[in-house]
PDB file of N, CA and C in Angstrom:
ATOM      1  N   MET A   1     153.044 201.875  42.282  1.00  0.00           N
ATOM      2  CA  MET A   1     152.386 200.589  42.132  1.00  0.00           C
ATOM      3  C   MET A   1     153.284 199.582  41.399  1.00  0.00           C
ATOM      4  N   ILE A   2     153.910 200.030  40.307  1.00  0.00           N
ATOM      5  CA  ILE A   2     154.749 199.122  39.523  1.00  0.00           C
ATOM      6  C   ILE A   2     155.992 198.710  40.314  1.00  0.00           C
ATOM      7  N   GLU A   3     156.457 199.588  41.206  1.00  0.00           N
ATOM      8  CA  GLU A   3     157.607 199.230  42.045  1.00  0.00           C
ATOM      9  C   GLU A   3     157.238 198.129  43.036  1.00  0.00           C
ATOM     10  N   ASN A   4     156.019 198.151  43.538  1.00  0.00           N
ATOM     11  CA  ASN A   4     155.573 197.089  44.450  1.00  0.00           C
ATOM     12  C   ASN A   4     155.464 195.747  43.720  1.00  0.00           C
ATOM     13  N   ILE A   5     154.976 195.781  42.497  1.00  0.00           N
ATOM     14  CA  ILE A   5     154.890 194.549  41.702  1.00  0.00           C
ATOM     15  C   ILE A   5     156.305 194.043  41.404  1.00  0.00           C
ATOM     16  N   GLY A   6     157.208 194.954  41.040  1.00  0.00           N
ATOM     17  CA  GLY A   6     158.594 194.575  40.796  1.00  0.00           C
ATOM     18  C   GLY A   6     159.243 193.978  42.038  1.00  0.00           C
ATOM     19  N   MET A   7     158.979 194.575  43.196  1.00  0.00           N
ATOM     20  CA  MET A   7     159.524 194.037  44.436  1.00  0.00           C
ATOM     21  C   MET A   7     158.935 192.657  44.737  1.00  0.00           C
ATOM     22  N   GLY A   8     157.665 192.456  44.381  1.00  0.00           N
ATOM     23  CA  GLY A   8     157.040 191.141  44.553  1.00  0.00           C
ATOM     24  C   GLY A   8     157.740 190.082  43.712  1.00  0.00           C
ATOM     25  N   PHE A   9     158.068 190.420  42.465  1.00  0.00           N
ATOM     26  CA  PHE A   9     158.801 189.479  41.612  1.00  0.00           C
ATOM     27  C   PHE A   9     160.192 189.195  42.168  1.00  0.00           C
ATOM     28  N   ILE A  10     160.834 190.212  42.710  1.00  0.00           N
ATOM     29  CA  ILE A  10     162.163 190.012  43.285  1.00  0.00           C
ATOM     30  C   ILE A  10     162.088 189.097  44.503  1.00  0.00           C
ATOM     31  N   ILE A  11     161.110 189.309  45.360  1.00  0.00           N
ATOM     32  CA  ILE A  11     160.947 188.452  46.541  1.00  0.00           C
ATOM     33  C   ILE A  11     160.609 187.025  46.120  1.00  0.00           C
ATOM     34  N   LEU A  12     159.742 186.870  45.124  1.00  0.00           N
ATOM     35  CA  LEU A  12     159.413 185.538  44.620  1.00  0.00           C
ATOM     36  C   LEU A  12     160.657 184.857  44.033  1.00  0.00           C
ATOM     37  N   GLY A  13     161.477 185.609  43.324  1.00  0.00           N
ATOM     38  CA  GLY A  13     162.713 185.066  42.781  1.00  0.00           C
ATOM     39  C   GLY A  13     163.684 184.634  43.865  1.00  0.00           C
ATOM     40  N   ILE A  14     163.769 185.416  44.928  1.00  0.00           N
ATOM     41  CA  ILE A  14     164.636 185.046  46.049  1.00  0.00           C
ATOM     42  C   ILE A  14     164.133 183.759  46.702  1.00  0.00           C
ATOM     43  N   LEU A  15     162.810 183.610  46.829  1.00  0.00           N
ATOM     44  CA  LEU A  15     162.258 182.379  47.394  1.00  0.00           C
ATOM     45  C   LEU A  15     162.586 181.167  46.515  1.00  0.00           C
ATOM     46  N   PHE A  16     162.445 181.320  45.199  1.00  0.00           N
ATOM     47  CA  PHE A  16     162.811 180.232  44.291  1.00  0.00           C
ATOM     48  C   PHE A  16     164.290 179.880  44.446  1.00  0.00           C
ATOM     49  N   ASP A  17     165.146 180.883  44.514  1.00  0.00           N
ATOM     50  CA  ASP A  17     166.572 180.623  44.694  1.00  0.00           C
ATOM     51  C   ASP A  17     166.844 179.908  46.016  1.00  0.00           C
ATOM     52  N   PHE A  18     166.136 180.310  47.072  1.00  0.00           N
ATOM     53  CA  PHE A  18     166.305 179.657  48.369  1.00  0.00           C
ATOM     54  C   PHE A  18     165.919 178.182  48.290  1.00  0.00           C
ATOM     55  N   PHE A  19     164.797 177.877  47.637  1.00  0.00           N
ATOM     56  CA  PHE A  19     164.386 176.479  47.520  1.00  0.00           C
ATOM     57  C   PHE A  19     165.344 175.681  46.640  1.00  0.00           C
ATOM     58  N   GLY A  20     165.945 176.324  45.656  1.00  0.00           N
ATOM     59  CA  GLY A  20     166.958 175.657  44.845  1.00  0.00           C
ATOM     60  C   GLY A  20     168.183 175.296  45.668  1.00  0.00           C
ATOM     61  N   VAL A  21     168.621 176.201  46.520  1.00  0.00           N
ATOM     62  CA  VAL A  21     169.767 175.929  47.389  1.00  0.00           C
ATOM     63  C   VAL A  21     169.402 174.843  48.401  1.00  0.00           C
ATOM     64  N   LEU A  22     168.195 174.882  48.914  1.00  0.00           N
ATOM     65  CA  LEU A  22     167.741 173.850  49.837  1.00  0.00           C
ATOM     66  C   LEU A  22     167.744 172.482  49.155  1.00  0.00           C
ATOM     67  N   GLY A  23     167.348 172.434  47.882  1.00  0.00           N
ATOM     68  CA  GLY A  23     167.388 171.191  47.126  1.00  0.00           C
ATOM     69  C   GLY A  23     168.806 170.691  46.914  1.00  0.00           C
ATOM     70  N   LEU A  24     169.742 171.615  46.713  1.00  0.00           N
ATOM     71  CA  LEU A  24     171.141 171.213  46.562  1.00  0.00           C
ATOM     72  C   LEU A  24     171.677 170.553  47.830  1.00  0.00           C
ATOM     73  N   VAL A  25     171.217 171.013  48.963  1.00  0.00           N
ATOM     74  CA  VAL A  25     171.697 170.468  50.228  1.00  0.00           C
ATOM     75  C   VAL A  25     170.982 169.168  50.592  1.00  0.00           C
ATOM     76  N   ARG A  26     169.686 169.088  50.313  1.00  0.00           N
ATOM     77  CA  ARG A  26     168.884 167.985  50.829  1.00  0.00           C
ATOM     78  C   ARG A  26     168.759 166.773  49.912  1.00  0.00           C
ATOM     79  N   LEU A  27     168.861 166.935  48.624  1.00  0.00           N
ATOM     80  CA  LEU A  27     168.587 165.823  47.712  1.00  0.00           C
ATOM     81  C   LEU A  27     169.766 164.856  47.631  1.00  0.00           C
ATOM     82  N   PRO A  28     169.493 163.575  47.300  1.00  0.00           N
ATOM     83  CA  PRO A  28     170.492 162.523  47.499  1.00  0.00           C
ATOM     84  C   PRO A  28     171.606 162.401  46.458  1.00  0.00           C
ATOM     85  N   ASP A  29     171.346 162.692  45.194  1.00  0.00           N
ATOM     86  CA  ASP A  29     172.390 162.459  44.192  1.00  0.00           C
ATOM     87  C   ASP A  29     172.494 163.637  43.239  1.00  0.00           C
ATOM     88  N   VAL A  30     173.478 163.548  42.349  1.00  0.00           N
ATOM     89  CA  VAL A  30     173.774 164.661  41.445  1.00  0.00           C
ATOM     90  C   VAL A  30     172.598 164.961  40.515  1.00  0.00           C
ATOM     91  N   TYR A  31     171.857 163.957  40.127  1.00  0.00           N
ATOM     92  CA  TYR A  31     170.760 164.153  39.178  1.00  0.00           C
ATOM     93  C   TYR A  31     169.586 164.899  39.823  1.00  0.00           C
ATOM     94  N   ASN A  32     169.245 164.529  41.035  1.00  0.00           N
ATOM     95  CA  ASN A  32     168.183 165.237  41.745  1.00  0.00           C
ATOM     96  C   ASN A  32     168.616 166.652  42.107  1.00  0.00           C
ATOM     97  N   ARG A  33     169.848 166.799  42.503  1.00  0.00           N
ATOM     98  CA  ARG A  33     170.351 168.133  42.832  1.00  0.00           C
ATOM     99  C   ARG A  33     170.371 169.027  41.605  1.00  0.00           C
ATOM    100  N   LEU A  34     170.712 168.447  40.490  1.00  0.00           N
ATOM    101  CA  LEU A  34     170.726 169.201  39.239  1.00  0.00           C
ATOM    102  C   LEU A  34     169.321 169.669  38.870  1.00  0.00           C
ATOM    103  N   GLN A  35     168.340 168.817  39.107  1.00  0.00           N
ATOM    104  CA  GLN A  35     166.947 169.183  38.849  1.00  0.00           C
ATOM    105  C   GLN A  35     166.542 170.385  39.702  1.00  0.00           C
ATOM    106  N   ALA A  36     166.859 170.323  40.984  1.00  0.00           N
ATOM    107  CA  ALA A  36     166.507 171.427  41.876  1.00  0.00           C
ATOM    108  C   ALA A  36     167.219 172.709  41.483  1.00  0.00           C
ATOM    109  N   ALA A  37     168.491 172.581  41.199  1.00  0.00           N
ATOM    110  CA  ALA A  37     169.265 173.770  40.862  1.00  0.00           C
ATOM    111  C   ALA A  37     168.793 174.392  39.557  1.00  0.00           C
ATOM    112  N   THR A  38     168.527 173.566  38.572  1.00  0.00           N
ATOM    113  CA  THR A  38     168.153 174.098  37.262  1.00  0.00           C
ATOM    114  C   THR A  38     166.801 174.794  37.305  1.00  0.00           C
ATOM    115  N   LYS A  39     165.808 174.109  37.808  1.00  0.00           N
ATOM    116  CA  LYS A  39     164.460 174.679  37.777  1.00  0.00           C
ATOM    117  C   LYS A  39     164.330 175.885  38.693  1.00  0.00           C
ATOM    118  N   CYS A  40     164.709 175.712  39.939  1.00  0.00           N
ATOM    119  CA  CYS A  40     164.495 176.787  40.910  1.00  0.00           C
ATOM    120  C   CYS A  40     165.368 178.007  40.635  1.00  0.00           C
ATOM    121  N   VAL A  41     166.624 177.765  40.340  1.00  0.00           N
ATOM    122  CA  VAL A  41     167.509 178.902  40.133  1.00  0.00           C
ATOM    123  C   VAL A  41     167.193 179.612  38.814  1.00  0.00           C
ATOM    124  N   THR A  42     166.742 178.865  37.811  1.00  0.00           N
ATOM    125  CA  THR A  42     166.334 179.509  36.560  1.00  0.00           C
ATOM    126  C   THR A  42     165.164 180.451  36.796  1.00  0.00           C
ATOM    127  N   PHE A  43     164.124 179.948  37.438  1.00  0.00           N
ATOM    128  CA  PHE A  43     162.960 180.802  37.685  1.00  0.00           C
ATOM    129  C   PHE A  43     163.250 181.869  38.735  1.00  0.00           C
ATOM    130  N   GLY A  44     164.109 181.554  39.694  1.00  0.00           N
ATOM    131  CA  GLY A  44     164.465 182.552  40.698  1.00  0.00           C
ATOM    132  C   GLY A  44     165.229 183.715  40.100  1.00  0.00           C
ATOM    133  N   SER A  45     166.233 183.405  39.306  1.00  0.00           N
ATOM    134  CA  SER A  45     167.016 184.475  38.682  1.00  0.00           C
ATOM    135  C   SER A  45     166.179 185.265  37.687  1.00  0.00           C
ATOM    136  N   ALA A  46     165.317 184.565  36.960  1.00  0.00           N
ATOM    137  CA  ALA A  46     164.438 185.275  36.021  1.00  0.00           C
ATOM    138  C   ALA A  46     163.470 186.186  36.770  1.00  0.00           C
ATOM    139  N   GLY A  47     162.971 185.739  37.904  1.00  0.00           N
ATOM    140  CA  GLY A  47     162.075 186.584  38.702  1.00  0.00           C
ATOM    141  C   GLY A  47     162.766 187.830  39.215  1.00  0.00           C
ATOM    142  N   ILE A  48     163.989 187.646  39.692  1.00  0.00           N
ATOM    143  CA  ILE A  48     164.747 188.806  40.178  1.00  0.00           C
ATOM    144  C   ILE A  48     165.019 189.782  39.036  1.00  0.00           C
ATOM    145  N   LEU A  49     165.424 189.257  37.890  1.00  0.00           N
ATOM    146  CA  LEU A  49     165.714 190.142  36.758  1.00  0.00           C
ATOM    147  C   LEU A  49     164.449 190.808  36.216  1.00  0.00           C
ATOM    148  N   PHE A  50     163.323 190.068  36.208  1.00  0.00           N
ATOM    149  CA  PHE A  50     162.080 190.683  35.729  1.00  0.00           C
ATOM    150  C   PHE A  50     161.594 191.760  36.694  1.00  0.00           C
ATOM    151  N   GLY A  51     161.738 191.519  37.983  1.00  0.00           N
ATOM    152  CA  GLY A  51     161.403 192.556  38.958  1.00  0.00           C
ATOM    153  C   GLY A  51     162.272 193.785  38.786  1.00  0.00           C
ATOM    154  N   THR A  52     163.545 193.571  38.487  1.00  0.00           N
ATOM    155  CA  THR A  52     164.453 194.685  38.221  1.00  0.00           C
ATOM    156  C   THR A  52     164.017 195.440  36.974  1.00  0.00           C
ATOM    157  N   PHE A  53     163.608 194.691  35.947  1.00  0.00           N
ATOM    158  CA  PHE A  53     163.112 195.354  34.730  1.00  0.00           C
ATOM    159  C   PHE A  53     161.882 196.200  35.030  1.00  0.00           C
ATOM    160  N   LEU A  54     160.953 195.654  35.821  1.00  0.00           N
ATOM    161  CA  LEU A  54     159.755 196.423  36.145  1.00  0.00           C
ATOM    162  C   LEU A  54     160.087 197.685  36.924  1.00  0.00           C
ATOM    163  N   MET A  55     161.064 197.604  37.794  1.00  0.00           N
ATOM    164  CA  MET A  55     161.413 198.779  38.603  1.00  0.00           C
ATOM    165  C   MET A  55     162.199 199.818  37.806  1.00  0.00           C
ATOM    166  N   LYS A  56     163.044 199.368  36.896  1.00  0.00           N
ATOM    167  CA  LYS A  56     163.874 200.302  36.125  1.00  0.00           C
ATOM    168  C   LYS A  56     163.206 200.765  34.838  1.00  0.00           C
ATOM    169  N   GLY A  57     162.265 199.989  34.329  1.00  0.00           N
ATOM    170  CA  GLY A  57     161.555 200.384  33.121  1.00  0.00           C
ATOM    171  C   GLY A  57     162.362 200.137  31.859  1.00  0.00           C
ATOM    172  N   PHE A  58     161.960 200.833  30.800  1.00  0.00           N
ATOM    173  CA  PHE A  58     162.592 200.653  29.493  1.00  0.00           C
ATOM    174  C   PHE A  58     163.850 201.516  29.370  1.00  0.00           C
ATOM    175  N   THR A  59     164.790 201.264  30.259  1.00  0.00           N
ATOM    176  CA  THR A  59     166.088 201.931  30.196  1.00  0.00           C
ATOM    177  C   THR A  59     167.117 200.906  29.721  1.00  0.00           C
ATOM    178  N   SER A  60     168.359 201.338  29.586  1.00  0.00           N
ATOM    179  CA  SER A  60     169.387 200.378  29.174  1.00  0.00           C
ATOM    180  C   SER A  60     169.566 199.293  30.232  1.00  0.00           C
ATOM    181  N   PHE A  61     169.413 199.642  31.495  1.00  0.00           N
ATOM    182  CA  PHE A  61     169.518 198.660  32.565  1.00  0.00           C
ATOM    183  C   PHE A  61     168.369 197.657  32.489  1.00  0.00           C
ATOM    184  N   GLY A  62     167.169 198.140  32.189  1.00  0.00           N
ATOM    185  CA  GLY A  62     166.016 197.245  32.048  1.00  0.00           C
ATOM    186  C   GLY A  62     166.167 196.277  30.885  1.00  0.00           C
ATOM    187  N   PHE A  63     166.679 196.770  29.770  1.00  0.00           N
ATOM    188  CA  PHE A  63     166.890 195.891  28.613  1.00  0.00           C
ATOM    189  C   PHE A  63     167.973 194.852  28.892  1.00  0.00           C
ATOM    190  N   LYS A  64     168.988 195.227  29.662  1.00  0.00           N
ATOM    191  CA  LYS A  64     170.008 194.249  30.046  1.00  0.00           C
ATOM    192  C   LYS A  64     169.414 193.162  30.928  1.00  0.00           C
ATOM    193  N   ALA A  65     168.470 193.531  31.776  1.00  0.00           N
ATOM    194  CA  ALA A  65     167.796 192.528  32.612  1.00  0.00           C
ATOM    195  C   ALA A  65     166.987 191.566  31.741  1.00  0.00           C
ATOM    196  N   LEU A  66     166.295 192.080  30.736  1.00  0.00           N
ATOM    197  CA  LEU A  66     165.543 191.209  29.824  1.00  0.00           C
ATOM    198  C   LEU A  66     166.478 190.295  29.029  1.00  0.00           C
ATOM    199  N   LEU A  67     167.613 190.818  28.602  1.00  0.00           N
ATOM    200  CA  LEU A  67     168.591 189.975  27.904  1.00  0.00           C
ATOM    201  C   LEU A  67     169.136 188.884  28.828  1.00  0.00           C
ATOM    202  N   GLY A  68     169.319 189.235  30.091  1.00  0.00           N
ATOM    203  CA  GLY A  68     169.761 188.252  31.062  1.00  0.00           C
ATOM    204  C   GLY A  68     168.742 187.128  31.236  1.00  0.00           C
ATOM    205  N   ILE A  69     167.460 187.465  31.243  1.00  0.00           N
ATOM    206  CA  ILE A  69     166.404 186.453  31.344  1.00  0.00           C
ATOM    207  C   ILE A  69     166.452 185.527  30.137  1.00  0.00           C
ATOM    208  N   ALA A  70     166.557 186.103  28.955  1.00  0.00           N
ATOM    209  CA  ALA A  70     166.608 185.280  27.742  1.00  0.00           C
ATOM    210  C   ALA A  70     167.832 184.362  27.761  1.00  0.00           C
ATOM    211  N   PHE A  71     168.968 184.891  28.181  1.00  0.00           N
ATOM    212  CA  PHE A  71     170.184 184.090  28.237  1.00  0.00           C
ATOM    213  C   PHE A  71     170.041 182.930  29.222  1.00  0.00           C
ATOM    214  N   ILE A  72     169.473 183.194  30.381  1.00  0.00           N
ATOM    215  CA  ILE A  72     169.294 182.142  31.396  1.00  0.00           C
ATOM    216  C   ILE A  72     168.335 181.076  30.888  1.00  0.00           C
ATOM    217  N   PHE A  73     167.225 181.476  30.275  1.00  0.00           N
ATOM    218  CA  PHE A  73     166.256 180.494  29.782  1.00  0.00           C
ATOM    219  C   PHE A  73     166.821 179.645  28.638  1.00  0.00           C
ATOM    220  N   LEU A  74     167.749 180.191  27.869  1.00  0.00           N
ATOM    221  CA  LEU A  74     168.329 179.420  26.777  1.00  0.00           C
ATOM    222  C   LEU A  74     169.477 178.512  27.224  1.00  0.00           C
ATOM    223  N   THR A  75     170.267 178.958  28.164  1.00  0.00           N
ATOM    224  CA  THR A  75     171.467 178.203  28.506  1.00  0.00           C
ATOM    225  C   THR A  75     171.291 177.238  29.670  1.00  0.00           C
ATOM    226  N   SER A  76     170.439 177.521  30.599  1.00  0.00           N
ATOM    227  CA  SER A  76     170.311 176.677  31.792  1.00  0.00           C
ATOM    228  C   SER A  76     169.838 175.256  31.483  1.00  0.00           C
ATOM    229  N   PRO A  77     168.790 175.054  30.675  1.00  0.00           N
ATOM    230  CA  PRO A  77     168.389 173.674  30.375  1.00  0.00           C
ATOM    231  C   PRO A  77     169.440 172.896  29.589  1.00  0.00           C
ATOM    232  N   VAL A  78     170.121 173.570  28.682  1.00  0.00           N
ATOM    233  CA  VAL A  78     171.152 172.897  27.893  1.00  0.00           C
ATOM    234  C   VAL A  78     172.313 172.478  28.797  1.00  0.00           C
ATOM    235  N   ALA A  79     172.733 173.364  29.670  1.00  0.00           N
ATOM    236  CA  ALA A  79     173.831 173.040  30.581  1.00  0.00           C
ATOM    237  C   ALA A  79     173.450 171.895  31.513  1.00  0.00           C
ATOM    238  N   ALA A  80     172.221 171.896  32.011  1.00  0.00           N
ATOM    239  CA  ALA A  80     171.774 170.819  32.899  1.00  0.00           C
ATOM    240  C   ALA A  80     171.763 169.479  32.173  1.00  0.00           C
ATOM    241  N   HIS A  81     171.327 169.471  30.932  1.00  0.00           N
ATOM    242  CA  HIS A  81     171.304 168.238  30.163  1.00  0.00           C
ATOM    243  C   HIS A  81     172.716 167.717  29.937  1.00  0.00           C
ATOM    244  N   VAL A  82     173.630 168.595  29.598  1.00  0.00           N
ATOM    245  CA  VAL A  82     175.011 168.180  29.340  1.00  0.00           C
ATOM    246  C   VAL A  82     175.651 167.643  30.622  1.00  0.00           C
ATOM    247  N   ILE A  83     175.419 168.291  31.743  1.00  0.00           N
ATOM    248  CA  ILE A  83     175.989 167.827  33.006  1.00  0.00           C
ATOM    249  C   ILE A  83     175.406 166.470  33.397  1.00  0.00           C
ATOM    250  N   ALA A  84     174.086 166.297  33.236  1.00  0.00           N
ATOM    251  CA  ALA A  84     173.461 165.016  33.578  1.00  0.00           C
ATOM    252  C   ALA A  84     173.972 163.896  32.680  1.00  0.00           C
ATOM    253  N   ARG A  85     174.094 164.166  31.407  1.00  0.00           N
ATOM    254  CA  ARG A  85     174.577 163.134  30.476  1.00  0.00           C
ATOM    255  C   ARG A  85     176.034 162.777  30.756  1.00  0.00           C
ATOM    256  N   ALA A  86     176.853 163.767  31.020  1.00  0.00           N
ATOM    257  CA  ALA A  86     178.255 163.501  31.336  1.00  0.00           C
ATOM    258  C   ALA A  86     178.387 162.746  32.658  1.00  0.00           C
ATOM    259  N   SER A  87     177.546 163.068  33.623  1.00  0.00           N
ATOM    260  CA  SER A  87     177.576 162.350  34.896  1.00  0.00           C
ATOM    261  C   SER A  87     177.209 160.891  34.701  1.00  0.00           C
ATOM    262  N   HIS A  88     176.207 160.641  33.889  1.00  0.00           N
ATOM    263  CA  HIS A  88     175.777 159.264  33.663  1.00  0.00           C
ATOM    264  C   HIS A  88     176.844 158.492  32.891  1.00  0.00           C
ATOM    265  N   ARG A  89     177.423 159.116  31.890  1.00  0.00           N
ATOM    266  CA  ARG A  89     178.448 158.442  31.089  1.00  0.00           C
ATOM    267  C   ARG A  89     179.713 158.162  31.895  1.00  0.00           C
ATOM    268  N   SER A  90     180.006 159.005  32.877  1.00  0.00           N
ATOM    269  CA  SER A  90     181.202 158.774  33.684  1.00  0.00           C
ATOM    270  C   SER A  90     180.952 157.784  34.816  1.00  0.00           C
ATOM    271  N   GLY A  91     179.721 157.317  34.950  1.00  0.00           N
ATOM    272  CA  GLY A  91     179.432 156.256  35.903  1.00  0.00           C
ATOM    273  C   GLY A  91     179.014 156.700  37.278  1.00  0.00           C
ATOM    274  N   ILE A  92     178.625 157.930  37.441  1.00  0.00           N
ATOM    275  CA  ILE A  92     178.138 158.385  38.752  1.00  0.00           C
ATOM    276  C   ILE A  92     176.800 157.698  39.018  1.00  0.00           C
ATOM    277  N   PRO A  93     176.686 156.976  40.125  1.00  0.00           N
ATOM    278  CA  PRO A  93     175.481 156.186  40.360  1.00  0.00           C
ATOM    279  C   PRO A  93     174.273 157.047  40.719  1.00  0.00           C
ATOM    280  N   LEU A  94     173.106 156.508  40.393  1.00  0.00           N
ATOM    281  CA  LEU A  94     171.859 157.149  40.774  1.00  0.00           C
ATOM    282  C   LEU A  94     171.574 156.832  42.237  1.00  0.00           C
ATOM    283  N   ALA A  95     170.675 157.584  42.838  1.00  0.00           N
ATOM    284  CA  ALA A  95     170.274 157.307  44.214  1.00  0.00           C
ATOM    285  C   ALA A  95     169.583 155.954  44.272  1.00  0.00           C
ATOM    286  N   LYS A  96     169.664 155.301  45.414  1.00  0.00           N
ATOM    287  CA  LYS A  96     169.075 153.965  45.527  1.00  0.00           C
ATOM    288  C   LYS A  96     167.552 154.011  45.409  1.00  0.00           C
ATOM    289  N   GLU A  97     166.943 155.168  45.636  1.00  0.00           N
ATOM    290  CA  GLU A  97     165.490 155.307  45.506  1.00  0.00           C
ATOM    291  C   GLU A  97     165.038 155.437  44.056  1.00  0.00           C
ATOM    292  N   THR A  98     165.957 155.631  43.135  1.00  0.00           N
ATOM    293  CA  THR A  98     165.629 155.816  41.730  1.00  0.00           C
ATOM    294  C   THR A  98     165.090 154.511  41.148  1.00  0.00           C
ATOM    295  N   THR A  99     163.970 154.603  40.435  1.00  0.00           N
ATOM    296  CA  THR A  99     163.345 153.394  39.890  1.00  0.00           C
ATOM    297  C   THR A  99     163.542 153.244  38.390  1.00  0.00           C
ATOM    298  N   ILE A 100     163.802 154.322  37.659  1.00  0.00           N
ATOM    299  CA  ILE A 100     163.930 154.260  36.203  1.00  0.00           C
ATOM    300  C   ILE A 100     165.219 154.950  35.782  1.00  0.00           C
ATOM    301  N   ASP A 101     165.925 154.331  34.860  1.00  0.00           N
ATOM    302  CA  ASP A 101     167.137 154.902  34.285  1.00  0.00           C
ATOM    303  C   ASP A 101     166.981 154.894  32.760  1.00  0.00           C
ATOM    304  N   ARG A 102     166.459 155.975  32.216  1.00  0.00           N
ATOM    305  CA  ARG A 102     166.198 156.036  30.774  1.00  0.00           C
ATOM    306  C   ARG A 102     167.476 156.003  29.941  1.00  0.00           C
ATOM    307  N   TYR A 103     168.556 156.590  30.428  1.00  0.00           N
ATOM    308  CA  TYR A 103     169.807 156.534  29.680  1.00  0.00           C
ATOM    309  C   TYR A 103     170.288 155.099  29.539  1.00  0.00           C
ATOM    310  N   LYS A 104     170.182 154.322  30.613  1.00  0.00           N
ATOM    311  CA  LYS A 104     170.614 152.930  30.560  1.00  0.00           C
ATOM    312  C   LYS A 104     169.719 152.116  29.630  1.00  0.00           C
ATOM    313  N   GLU A 105     168.420 152.396  29.654  1.00  0.00           N
ATOM    314  CA  GLU A 105     167.487 151.694  28.772  1.00  0.00           C
ATOM    315  C   GLU A 105     167.791 151.962  27.305  1.00  0.00           C
ATOM    316  N   ASP A 106     168.253 153.158  26.997  1.00  0.00           N
ATOM    317  CA  ASP A 106     168.572 153.523  25.619  1.00  0.00           C
ATOM    318  C   ASP A 106     170.010 153.180  25.243  1.00  0.00           C
ATOM    319  N   ASN A 107     170.720 152.474  26.125  1.00  0.00           N
ATOM    320  CA  ASN A 107     172.131 152.134  25.922  1.00  0.00           C
ATOM    321  C   ASN A 107     172.981 153.374  25.693  1.00  0.00           C
ATOM    322  N   GLU A 108     172.662 154.436  26.399  1.00  0.00           N
ATOM    323  CA  GLU A 108     173.369 155.708  26.236  1.00  0.00           C
ATOM    324  C   GLU A 108     174.776 155.642  26.803  1.00  0.00           C
ATOM    325  N   GLY A 109     175.005 154.798  27.788  1.00  0.00           N
ATOM    326  CA  GLY A 109     176.320 154.718  28.398  1.00  0.00           C
ATOM    327  C   GLY A 109     177.346 154.040  27.522  1.00  0.00           C
ATOM    328  N   GLU A 110     176.897 153.259  26.539  1.00  0.00           N
ATOM    329  CA  GLU A 110     177.823 152.559  25.663  1.00  0.00           C
ATOM    330  C   GLU A 110     178.320 153.493  24.570  1.00  0.00           C
ATOM    331  N   LYS A 111     179.563 153.292  24.194  1.00  0.00           N
ATOM    332  CA  LYS A 111     180.133 154.170  23.169  1.00  0.00           C
ATOM    333  C   LYS A 111     180.267 153.462  21.864  1.00  0.00           C
TER     334      LYS A 111
END
């Protein structure tokens, strides 16, 4: 039973990863692509690792999967923020459909 639940988490994680890749291909600019990649791939990878933990149990491999989840949840949002801020500061334009630029409103681009 627990293996079926673990396989369900793995399949759900693969679906999240697929939608993240689809967002990378379909979305118009670096900021939207970053949003898709960060959210979907974070939850996708965490789902795959959690499914692996459920299937392997409380072994050294299972604990490594849990550590991997913690590492992804801590580093992915920080990396996305740094990439978005650096992109904005270097002058990469937003998509023409974008209506609000909070960095520009806060004078973030000025040094």
